[in-house]
Amino acid sequence: MTKIPVPGTPVRGSKSGSAIMALFDLLGRRWAMGVLWTLSERGPSTFGELEAACESISPAVLNTRLKELAMAGLVAKGAHGYTATGLGREIYRGLLPLSATSKKWARQVETRLKADK
């Protein structure tokens, strides 16, 4: 049976299971954030389209992540394939500033590594 982190119960990194930590536990699972990100950017996708877009994901992992994200209310299956729900897209939009900051961080790391050579 597929199980998802539940706010208010212990999750990875939090004994209290705060909502943010439960969400990070879910999104921190292998490929979970990538699947949500891809659906948010591409729109509805069939299983095969999503598998191709995620490149190195295995069908078993994709199937598990889709089930977990659907149980969490972040992904739904419709007539045109899988799609990010309104809440899933809201989480994606919330992560966009973090994505921008991560790119700045990557440039700093690259600069420091070049300086250390």
C-alpha atoms as a PDB file:
ATOM      1  CA  MET A   1       0.000   0.000   0.000  1.00  0.00           C
ATOM      2  CA  THR A   2       1.299   3.437  -0.916  1.00  0.00           C
ATOM      3  CA  LYS A   3       1.783   5.695   2.084  1.00  0.00           C
ATOM      4  CA  ILE A   4       2.328   9.437   2.122  1.00  0.00           C
ATOM      5  CA  PRO A   5       3.647  11.720   4.864  1.00  0.00           C
ATOM      6  CA  VAL A   6       0.805  13.125   6.948  1.00  0.00           C
ATOM      7  CA  PRO A   7       1.047  16.492   8.714  1.00  0.00           C
ATOM      8  CA  GLY A   8       0.793  16.076  12.468  1.00  0.00           C
ATOM      9  CA  THR A   9       2.552  12.704  12.515  1.00  0.00           C
ATOM     10  CA  PRO A  10       6.320  12.135  12.609  1.00  0.00           C
ATOM     11  CA  VAL A  11       8.001  12.500   9.199  1.00  0.00           C
ATOM     12  CA  ARG A  12      11.596  12.619   8.007  1.00  0.00           C
ATOM     13  CA  GLY A  13      13.235  15.539   9.785  1.00  0.00           C
ATOM     14  CA  SER A  14      10.358  16.329  12.146  1.00  0.00           C
ATOM     15  CA  LYS A  15       9.030  14.491  15.161  1.00  0.00           C
ATOM     16  CA  SER A  16       6.002  16.801  15.276  1.00  0.00           C
ATOM     17  CA  GLY A  17       5.228  16.381  11.583  1.00  0.00           C
ATOM     18  CA  SER A  18       4.794  20.058  10.825  1.00  0.00           C
ATOM     19  CA  ALA A  19       2.988  20.619   7.537  1.00  0.00           C
ATOM     20  CA  ILE A  20       6.061  22.042   5.781  1.00  0.00           C
ATOM     21  CA  MET A  21       8.208  19.100   6.877  1.00  0.00           C
ATOM     22  CA  ALA A  22       5.555  16.612   5.741  1.00  0.00           C
ATOM     23  CA  LEU A  23       5.446  18.338   2.359  1.00  0.00           C
ATOM     24  CA  PHE A  24       9.254  18.334   2.118  1.00  0.00           C
ATOM     25  CA  ASP A  25       9.246  14.644   3.053  1.00  0.00           C
ATOM     26  CA  LEU A  26       6.843  13.922   0.200  1.00  0.00           C
ATOM     27  CA  LEU A  27       8.605  16.149  -2.336  1.00  0.00           C
ATOM     28  CA  GLY A  28      11.992  14.840  -1.215  1.00  0.00           C
ATOM     29  CA  ARG A  29      11.193  11.344  -2.391  1.00  0.00           C
ATOM     30  CA  ARG A  30      13.054  10.283  -5.485  1.00  0.00           C
ATOM     31  CA  TRP A  31      11.478  11.957  -8.510  1.00  0.00           C
ATOM     32  CA  ALA A  32       8.435  13.354  -6.640  1.00  0.00           C
ATOM     33  CA  MET A  33       9.379  16.989  -7.161  1.00  0.00           C
ATOM     34  CA  GLY A  34      10.492  16.268 -10.713  1.00  0.00           C
ATOM     35  CA  VAL A  35       7.132  14.728 -11.591  1.00  0.00           C
ATOM     36  CA  LEU A  36       5.177  17.620 -10.052  1.00  0.00           C
ATOM     37  CA  TRP A  37       7.499  20.169 -11.692  1.00  0.00           C
ATOM     38  CA  THR A  38       7.190  18.530 -15.107  1.00  0.00           C
ATOM     39  CA  LEU A  39       3.395  18.340 -14.951  1.00  0.00           C
ATOM     40  CA  SER A  40       3.196  21.958 -13.797  1.00  0.00           C
ATOM     41  CA  GLU A  41       5.343  23.149 -16.686  1.00  0.00           C
ATOM     42  CA  ARG A  42       4.073  20.846 -19.458  1.00  0.00           C
ATOM     43  CA  GLY A  43       0.437  20.478 -18.516  1.00  0.00           C
ATOM     44  CA  PRO A  44      -1.494  17.223 -18.877  1.00  0.00           C
ATOM     45  CA  SER A  45       0.707  14.295 -19.865  1.00  0.00           C
ATOM     46  CA  THR A  46       0.133  10.613 -20.443  1.00  0.00           C
ATOM     47  CA  PHE A  47       2.205   8.129 -18.469  1.00  0.00           C
ATOM     48  CA  GLY A  48       4.469   7.602 -21.491  1.00  0.00           C
ATOM     49  CA  GLU A  49       4.899  11.327 -22.123  1.00  0.00           C
ATOM     50  CA  LEU A  50       5.731  11.903 -18.492  1.00  0.00           C
ATOM     51  CA  GLU A  51       8.178   8.993 -18.461  1.00  0.00           C
ATOM     52  CA  ALA A  52       9.940  10.424 -21.537  1.00  0.00           C
ATOM     53  CA  ALA A  53      10.014  13.943 -20.100  1.00  0.00           C
ATOM     54  CA  CYS A  54      11.559  12.727 -16.849  1.00  0.00           C
ATOM     55  CA  GLU A  55      14.218  10.837 -18.848  1.00  0.00           C
ATOM     56  CA  SER A  56      15.806   8.419 -16.370  1.00  0.00           C
ATOM     57  CA  ILE A  57      12.771   7.597 -14.211  1.00  0.00           C
ATOM     58  CA  SER A  58      11.748   3.955 -14.122  1.00  0.00           C
ATOM     59  CA  PRO A  59       8.114   3.021 -14.798  1.00  0.00           C
ATOM     60  CA  ALA A  60       7.810   1.549 -11.294  1.00  0.00           C
ATOM     61  CA  VAL A  61       9.061   4.722  -9.606  1.00  0.00           C
ATOM     62  CA  LEU A  62       6.859   6.911 -11.802  1.00  0.00           C
ATOM     63  CA  ASN A  63       3.819   4.796 -10.977  1.00  0.00           C
ATOM     64  CA  THR A  64       4.551   5.001  -7.242  1.00  0.00           C
ATOM     65  CA  ARG A  65       5.142   8.769  -7.309  1.00  0.00           C
ATOM     66  CA  LEU A  66       1.970   9.405  -9.284  1.00  0.00           C
ATOM     67  CA  LYS A  67      -0.020   7.393  -6.734  1.00  0.00           C
ATOM     68  CA  GLU A  68       1.568   9.261  -3.817  1.00  0.00           C
ATOM     69  CA  LEU A  69       1.115  12.691  -5.386  1.00  0.00           C
ATOM     70  CA  ALA A  70      -2.502  11.831  -6.233  1.00  0.00           C
ATOM     71  CA  MET A  71      -3.161  10.673  -2.654  1.00  0.00           C
ATOM     72  CA  ALA A  72      -1.704  13.981  -1.461  1.00  0.00           C
ATOM     73  CA  GLY A  73      -4.028  15.901  -3.787  1.00  0.00           C
ATOM     74  CA  LEU A  74      -1.213  17.358  -5.896  1.00  0.00           C
ATOM     75  CA  VAL A  75      -1.773  15.323  -9.087  1.00  0.00           C
ATOM     76  CA  ALA A  76      -4.931  13.976 -10.720  1.00  0.00           C
ATOM     77  CA  LYS A  77      -5.599  11.667 -13.640  1.00  0.00           C
ATOM     78  CA  GLY A  78      -8.026  13.001 -16.220  1.00  0.00           C
ATOM     79  CA  ALA A  79      -9.137  12.428 -19.785  1.00  0.00           C
ATOM     80  CA  HIS A  80      -5.864  13.817 -21.178  1.00  0.00           C
ATOM     81  CA  GLY A  81      -3.523  12.081 -18.749  1.00  0.00           C
ATOM     82  CA  TYR A  82      -2.012  13.207 -15.492  1.00  0.00           C
ATOM     83  CA  THR A  83      -2.121  16.828 -14.447  1.00  0.00           C
ATOM     84  CA  ALA A  84      -1.030  18.945 -11.514  1.00  0.00           C
ATOM     85  CA  THR A  85      -4.023  20.007  -9.434  1.00  0.00           C
ATOM     86  CA  GLY A  86      -4.580  23.602  -8.397  1.00  0.00           C
ATOM     87  CA  LEU A  87      -2.764  22.893  -5.142  1.00  0.00           C
ATOM     88  CA  GLY A  88       0.044  21.147  -7.015  1.00  0.00           C
ATOM     89  CA  ARG A  89       0.483  24.177  -9.272  1.00  0.00           C
ATOM     90  CA  GLU A  90       0.398  26.464  -6.227  1.00  0.00           C
ATOM     91  CA  ILE A  91       3.250  24.490  -4.659  1.00  0.00           C
ATOM     92  CA  TYR A  92       5.154  24.675  -7.964  1.00  0.00           C
ATOM     93  CA  ARG A  93       4.708  28.465  -8.071  1.00  0.00           C
ATOM     94  CA  GLY A  94       5.887  28.639  -4.468  1.00  0.00           C
ATOM     95  CA  LEU A  95       9.048  26.761  -5.418  1.00  0.00           C
ATOM     96  CA  LEU A  96       9.924  29.065  -8.323  1.00  0.00           C
ATOM     97  CA  PRO A  97      11.718  31.638  -6.091  1.00  0.00           C
ATOM     98  CA  LEU A  98      13.713  28.788  -4.541  1.00  0.00           C
ATOM     99  CA  SER A  99      14.619  27.629  -8.051  1.00  0.00           C
ATOM    100  CA  ALA A 100      15.924  31.102  -8.888  1.00  0.00           C
ATOM    101  CA  THR A 101      17.946  31.199  -5.670  1.00  0.00           C
ATOM    102  CA  SER A 102      19.352  27.732  -6.387  1.00  0.00           C
ATOM    103  CA  LYS A 103      20.686  28.985  -9.719  1.00  0.00           C
ATOM    104  CA  LYS A 104      22.478  31.850  -7.956  1.00  0.00           C
ATOM    105  CA  TRP A 105      23.877  29.358  -5.477  1.00  0.00           C
ATOM    106  CA  ALA A 106      25.075  27.107  -8.332  1.00  0.00           C
ATOM    107  CA  ARG A 107      26.929  30.024  -9.921  1.00  0.00           C
ATOM    108  CA  GLN A 108      28.596  30.836  -6.574  1.00  0.00           C
ATOM    109  CA  VAL A 109      29.663  27.229  -6.094  1.00  0.00           C
ATOM    110  CA  GLU A 110      31.078  27.124  -9.627  1.00  0.00           C
ATOM    111  CA  THR A 111      32.978  30.365  -9.041  1.00  0.00           C
ATOM    112  CA  ARG A 112      34.408  29.102  -5.745  1.00  0.00           C
ATOM    113  CA  LEU A 113      35.445  25.791  -7.250  1.00  0.00           C
ATOM    114  CA  LYS A 114      37.246  27.560 -10.096  1.00  0.00           C
ATOM    115  CA  ALA A 115      38.969  29.876  -7.610  1.00  0.00           C
ATOM    116  CA  ASP A 116      40.163  26.886  -5.548  1.00  0.00           C
ATOM    117  CA  LYS A 117      41.916  25.261  -8.520  1.00  0.00           C
END
